[in-house]
Amino acid sequence: MRYFNPKALKSIFLLAIAFIICNSTNAQAQAAATTTKAPTINATGATAYIDKFFKTYEKDGTSRAIINIFKTNPLVDSTSLRGLIAKIDTTRALIGMYIGKELIVQRKASNSLILYSYLVKHQNQPVRFTFMFYKPKNDWLIYRLYFDDQVDNELEESAKINGKTP
């Protein structure tokens, strides 16, 4: 008759617990690694256009900045550019001197379509510029440029519970 050896059972039990703990730790590390990786956006050309835009916006004004960035897209209608320039210039007259920019968000729909949104700081009030770039072949071109002064309203709205006003 064989006897039950408690020391052997204790060793097996400790090995099983160690195996479970190691597996659990490894699975958590893998899950953390996959969830913390943000999609990388390799848009060096697009960000160079944005940097050049803001340097021109500060030194030479709205018109030159808009015209220069839209030179990348030959299909742009000059009438719509004049409207955008007039809208921005009218707002700039009210909000004061340009101070700087801060990236709000960047999004990537694919390797060929990206978006950058900036909070643009002026003396009296912030505004937002949103740039959308498209890369049909090898080079980025400006696809859309949005300008608005509602970023503070959106921030305030996002702070409300369930989007309801009090």
Protein backbone atom coordinates (compact mmCIF):
# COMPACT_ATOMS: atom_id res chain seq x y z
CA MET A 1 0.00 0.00 0.00
CA ARG A 2 1.31 3.41 -0.93
CA TYR A 3 1.18 6.24 1.47
CA PHE A 4 0.31 9.82 0.68
CA ASN A 5 3.38 12.09 0.88
CA PRO A 6 2.33 15.61 2.07
CA LYS A 7 5.76 17.06 1.24
CA ALA A 8 5.40 16.07 -2.42
CA LEU A 9 1.90 17.55 -2.55
CA LYS A 10 3.19 20.76 -0.97
CA SER A 11 5.92 21.05 -3.65
CA ILE A 12 3.44 20.44 -6.47
CA PHE A 13 1.04 22.98 -4.97
CA LEU A 14 3.79 25.66 -4.71
CA LEU A 15 4.91 25.00 -8.30
CA ALA A 16 1.32 25.33 -9.54
CA ILE A 17 0.87 28.65 -7.71
CA ALA A 18 4.18 29.96 -9.08
CA PHE A 19 3.13 28.93 -12.61
CA ILE A 20 -0.24 30.69 -12.27
CA ILE A 21 1.36 33.87 -10.92
CA CYS A 22 3.96 33.95 -13.73
CA ASN A 23 1.32 33.41 -16.39
CA SER A 24 -0.91 36.10 -14.90
CA THR A 25 1.94 38.62 -14.70
CA ASN A 26 3.02 37.88 -18.28
CA ALA A 27 -0.54 38.26 -19.60
CA GLN A 28 -0.96 41.58 -17.77
CA ALA A 29 2.32 42.88 -19.16
CA GLN A 30 1.31 41.90 -22.70
CA ALA A 31 -2.11 43.52 -22.30
CA ALA A 32 -0.55 46.72 -20.97
CA ALA A 33 1.93 46.81 -23.83
CA THR A 34 -0.79 46.48 -26.46
CA THR A 35 -3.14 49.02 -24.90
CA THR A 36 -0.57 51.73 -24.21
CA LYS A 37 0.86 51.86 -27.71
CA ALA A 38 -0.61 54.80 -29.55
CA PRO A 39 -0.68 54.58 -33.32
CA THR A 40 2.37 56.28 -34.69
CA ILE A 41 1.89 58.96 -37.27
CA ASN A 42 4.78 59.33 -39.67
CA ALA A 43 3.83 62.61 -41.29
CA THR A 44 7.05 64.56 -41.33
CA GLY A 45 6.08 66.45 -44.49
CA ALA A 46 2.67 67.40 -43.08
CA THR A 47 4.08 68.68 -39.79
CA ALA A 48 6.69 70.68 -41.71
CA TYR A 49 3.85 72.35 -43.63
CA ILE A 50 2.11 73.16 -40.34
CA ASP A 51 5.26 74.62 -38.79
CA LYS A 52 5.83 76.75 -41.88
CA PHE A 53 2.17 77.82 -41.81
CA PHE A 54 2.40 79.15 -38.25
CA LYS A 55 5.72 80.91 -38.86
CA THR A 56 4.18 82.67 -41.86
CA TYR A 57 0.94 83.31 -39.95
CA GLU A 58 2.94 85.13 -37.28
CA LYS A 59 5.36 87.07 -39.51
CA ASP A 60 3.56 87.69 -42.81
CA GLY A 61 -0.12 87.36 -41.91
CA THR A 62 -3.08 85.16 -42.71
CA SER A 63 -3.19 85.59 -46.48
CA ARG A 64 0.40 84.50 -47.11
CA ALA A 65 0.10 81.54 -44.69
CA ILE A 66 -3.10 80.23 -46.30
CA ILE A 67 -1.84 80.70 -49.85
CA ASN A 68 1.47 78.96 -49.08
CA ILE A 69 -0.06 75.88 -47.46
CA PHE A 70 -2.64 75.47 -50.22
CA LYS A 71 0.08 75.54 -52.89
CA THR A 72 0.43 71.84 -52.07
CA ASN A 73 -3.05 71.19 -53.50
CA PRO A 74 -3.61 72.35 -57.09
CA LEU A 75 -7.36 71.63 -56.95
CA VAL A 76 -8.18 74.32 -54.40
CA ASP A 77 -10.66 76.99 -55.41
CA SER A 78 -9.23 80.50 -54.93
CA THR A 79 -12.71 81.90 -54.11
CA SER A 80 -13.06 79.67 -51.08
CA LEU A 81 -9.53 80.64 -49.99
CA ARG A 82 -10.45 84.33 -50.09
CA GLY A 83 -13.47 83.60 -47.89
CA LEU A 84 -11.37 81.68 -45.39
CA ILE A 85 -8.72 84.42 -45.32
CA ALA A 86 -11.38 87.10 -44.75
CA LYS A 87 -12.97 85.10 -41.92
CA ILE A 88 -9.63 84.57 -40.16
CA ASP A 89 -8.51 88.18 -40.64
CA THR A 90 -11.80 89.51 -39.24
CA THR A 91 -11.41 87.29 -36.18
CA ARG A 92 -7.73 88.19 -35.75
CA ALA A 93 -8.62 91.88 -35.61
CA LEU A 94 -10.78 91.13 -32.55
CA ILE A 95 -8.68 88.57 -30.69
CA GLY A 96 -5.35 90.34 -30.72
CA MET A 97 -1.77 89.40 -31.40
CA TYR A 98 -0.71 85.81 -32.13
CA ILE A 99 1.17 84.28 -29.18
CA GLY A 100 1.68 80.63 -30.07
CA LYS A 101 0.14 77.22 -30.72
CA GLU A 102 -0.46 73.99 -28.81
CA LEU A 103 -1.38 70.63 -30.29
CA ILE A 104 -4.85 69.55 -29.16
CA VAL A 105 -5.11 66.23 -30.99
CA GLN A 106 -3.68 64.27 -33.87
CA ARG A 107 -5.58 61.49 -35.58
CA LYS A 108 -4.71 59.01 -38.27
CA ALA A 109 -7.44 57.49 -40.43
CA SER A 110 -4.83 55.58 -42.44
CA ASN A 111 -1.28 56.03 -43.67
CA SER A 112 -2.69 58.43 -46.27
CA LEU A 113 -5.14 60.60 -44.29
CA ILE A 114 -4.22 62.44 -41.10
CA LEU A 115 -5.58 65.29 -38.99
CA TYR A 116 -3.90 67.76 -36.64
CA SER A 117 -5.88 70.15 -34.46
CA TYR A 118 -4.19 73.10 -32.73
CA LEU A 119 -5.22 75.56 -30.08
CA VAL A 120 -3.91 78.86 -31.42
CA LYS A 121 -3.24 81.35 -28.66
CA HIS A 122 -3.96 85.00 -29.26
CA GLN A 123 -3.79 87.89 -26.84
CA ASN A 124 -7.53 88.01 -26.05
CA GLN A 125 -8.89 84.57 -26.93
CA PRO A 126 -7.91 81.16 -28.31
CA VAL A 127 -9.02 79.82 -31.69
CA ARG A 128 -8.61 76.42 -33.31
CA PHE A 129 -7.00 75.43 -36.58
CA THR A 130 -7.58 71.89 -37.84
CA PHE A 131 -5.43 70.63 -40.69
CA MET A 132 -6.30 67.52 -42.67
CA PHE A 133 -3.62 66.12 -44.98
CA TYR A 134 -3.93 63.53 -47.72
CA LYS A 135 -1.12 61.59 -49.36
CA PRO A 136 -2.33 60.15 -52.67
CA LYS A 137 1.15 58.95 -53.72
CA ASN A 138 4.41 60.14 -52.15
CA ASP A 139 3.77 63.68 -50.94
CA TRP A 140 1.37 65.16 -48.40
CA LEU A 141 -1.06 67.81 -49.56
CA ILE A 142 -3.44 69.94 -47.56
CA TYR A 143 -6.87 68.42 -47.99
CA ARG A 144 -8.93 70.54 -45.58
CA LEU A 145 -8.26 73.44 -43.24
CA TYR A 146 -10.83 74.35 -40.63
CA PHE A 147 -10.83 77.46 -38.46
CA ASP A 148 -13.17 78.20 -35.57
CA ASP A 149 -13.42 80.04 -32.28
CA GLN A 150 -15.69 77.54 -30.52
CA VAL A 151 -13.09 75.41 -28.78
CA ASP A 152 -13.93 76.95 -25.38
CA ASN A 153 -17.64 76.18 -25.87
CA GLU A 154 -16.86 72.55 -26.69
CA LEU A 155 -14.69 72.26 -23.60
CA GLU A 156 -17.45 73.71 -21.44
CA GLU A 157 -20.04 71.39 -23.02
CA SER A 158 -17.83 68.35 -22.38
CA ALA A 159 -17.82 69.17 -18.66
CA LYS A 160 -21.60 68.82 -18.34
CA ILE A 161 -23.05 65.63 -16.96
CA ASN A 162 -24.69 63.62 -19.74
CA GLY A 163 -24.47 66.67 -22.00
CA LYS A 164 -27.46 68.25 -20.25
CA THR A 165 -27.54 71.88 -19.30
CA PRO A 166 -28.42 72.74 -15.69
